[in-house]
Protein backbone atom coordinates (compact mmCIF):
# COMPACT_ATOMS: atom_id res chain seq x y z
CA MET A 1 32.02 18.27 -43.53
CA ASP A 2 29.93 18.48 -40.39
CA THR A 3 26.14 18.43 -40.16
CA LEU A 4 25.64 22.20 -40.06
CA SER A 5 28.01 22.76 -42.98
CA ARG A 6 26.17 20.14 -45.04
CA LEU A 7 22.86 21.75 -44.11
CA GLU A 8 24.15 25.18 -45.16
CA THR A 9 25.26 23.74 -48.51
CA THR A 10 21.92 22.00 -49.06
CA ILE A 11 19.95 25.14 -48.20
CA ALA A 12 22.07 27.20 -50.60
CA ALA A 13 21.48 24.68 -53.38
CA ARG A 14 17.75 24.55 -52.79
CA ARG A 15 17.26 28.31 -52.50
CA THR A 16 16.95 28.62 -56.27
CA ALA A 17 15.09 25.37 -56.94
CA ALA A 18 11.52 25.28 -58.17
CA THR A 19 9.17 26.40 -55.43
CA ASP A 20 6.87 23.45 -56.01
CA SER A 21 9.69 21.00 -55.30
CA SER A 22 11.60 22.72 -52.48
CA TYR A 23 10.42 23.99 -49.12
CA VAL A 24 13.54 26.18 -48.88
CA ALA A 25 12.83 27.72 -52.28
CA SER A 26 9.20 28.36 -51.38
CA LEU A 27 10.22 30.10 -48.13
CA ASN A 28 12.77 32.24 -49.95
CA ALA A 29 10.26 33.16 -52.63
CA ARG A 30 7.96 34.49 -49.90
CA GLY A 31 10.71 36.67 -48.44
CA VAL A 32 12.63 37.34 -45.26
CA PRO A 33 9.58 38.43 -43.20
CA VAL A 34 7.95 35.03 -43.78
CA ILE A 35 11.17 33.17 -43.00
CA ALA A 36 11.62 35.21 -39.81
CA ARG A 37 8.03 34.58 -38.76
CA LYS A 38 8.49 30.85 -39.34
CA LEU A 39 11.63 30.89 -37.20
CA GLY A 40 9.65 32.63 -34.46
CA GLU A 41 6.90 30.02 -34.66
CA GLU A 42 9.45 27.24 -34.37
CA ALA A 43 11.09 28.96 -31.40
CA ILE A 44 7.73 29.13 -29.62
CA GLU A 45 7.07 25.47 -30.37
CA THR A 46 10.50 24.67 -28.91
CA ILE A 47 9.64 26.56 -25.72
CA VAL A 48 6.35 24.69 -25.43
CA ALA A 49 8.13 21.36 -25.96
CA ALA A 50 10.70 22.27 -23.31
CA LEU A 51 8.00 23.09 -20.80
CA SER A 52 5.46 20.38 -21.45
CA GLY A 53 6.62 18.00 -24.14
CA SER A 54 8.72 14.90 -24.28
CA ARG A 55 12.45 14.82 -24.85
CA GLU A 56 11.79 13.66 -28.43
CA GLU A 57 9.47 16.61 -29.06
CA LEU A 58 12.10 19.02 -27.77
CA VAL A 59 14.76 17.48 -29.98
CA GLY A 60 12.50 17.71 -33.04
CA GLU A 61 11.52 21.31 -32.37
CA ALA A 62 15.13 22.30 -31.67
CA ALA A 63 16.10 20.81 -35.04
CA ASP A 64 13.32 22.88 -36.66
CA VAL A 65 14.70 26.05 -35.03
CA VAL A 66 18.23 25.36 -36.26
CA PHE A 67 16.96 24.57 -39.76
CA HIS A 68 14.86 27.73 -40.03
CA LEU A 69 17.66 29.85 -38.56
CA MET A 70 19.95 28.49 -41.27
CA VAL A 71 17.36 29.32 -43.94
CA LEU A 72 17.13 32.87 -42.57
CA LEU A 73 20.90 33.28 -42.44
CA GLY A 74 21.13 32.08 -46.03
CA ALA A 75 18.41 34.47 -47.17
CA LYS A 76 20.33 37.33 -45.55
CA GLN A 77 23.64 36.06 -47.02
CA VAL A 78 25.18 35.54 -43.59
CA PRO A 79 27.44 32.50 -43.67
CA LEU A 80 27.37 30.12 -40.73
CA SER A 81 31.09 30.73 -40.35
CA GLU A 82 30.36 34.31 -39.21
CA VAL A 83 27.99 33.06 -36.51
CA LEU A 84 30.51 30.46 -35.40
CA ALA A 85 33.25 33.11 -35.32
CA GLU A 86 31.06 35.24 -33.07
CA LEU A 87 30.51 32.28 -30.75
CA ASP A 88 34.26 31.67 -30.73
CA ARG A 89 34.83 35.32 -29.86
CA ARG A 90 32.44 35.03 -26.93
CA GLU A 91 33.97 31.81 -25.61
CA GLY A 92 35.38 32.27 -22.15
CA VAL A 93 33.56 35.57 -21.66
CA SER A 94 30.91 35.73 -18.97
CA GLY A 95 27.46 36.08 -20.48
CA LEU A 96 26.78 38.92 -18.08
CA ASP A 97 29.98 40.70 -19.11
CA GLU A 98 29.26 40.16 -22.81
CA LYS A 99 25.76 41.54 -22.44
CA ALA A 100 27.03 44.58 -20.50
CA ALA A 101 29.60 45.28 -23.22
CA ARG A 102 26.79 45.47 -25.78
CA GLY A 103 24.91 47.92 -23.59
CA ALA A 104 21.95 45.54 -23.47
């Protein structure tokens, strides 16, 4: 099992734990808007680290983004496999072409 699969399994197990013993459980108890806001905060911190921080800061903040994205996906019952399948689907497709196909 790879790192992201193990993380997904751990997050799923902790989602229903006691909120005083699990950060994941406490986030889930507060709801999707709080989880989404936390993901946004971590994304901003990652941008700041990329622009003015050290390599180690960027790595740490990137890990926080991935973690909080996984918590959000779990809360919305979207398995990582669906995200990976979407990335596989996009492989070999120009980002500009993919974006145009979405009408974005």
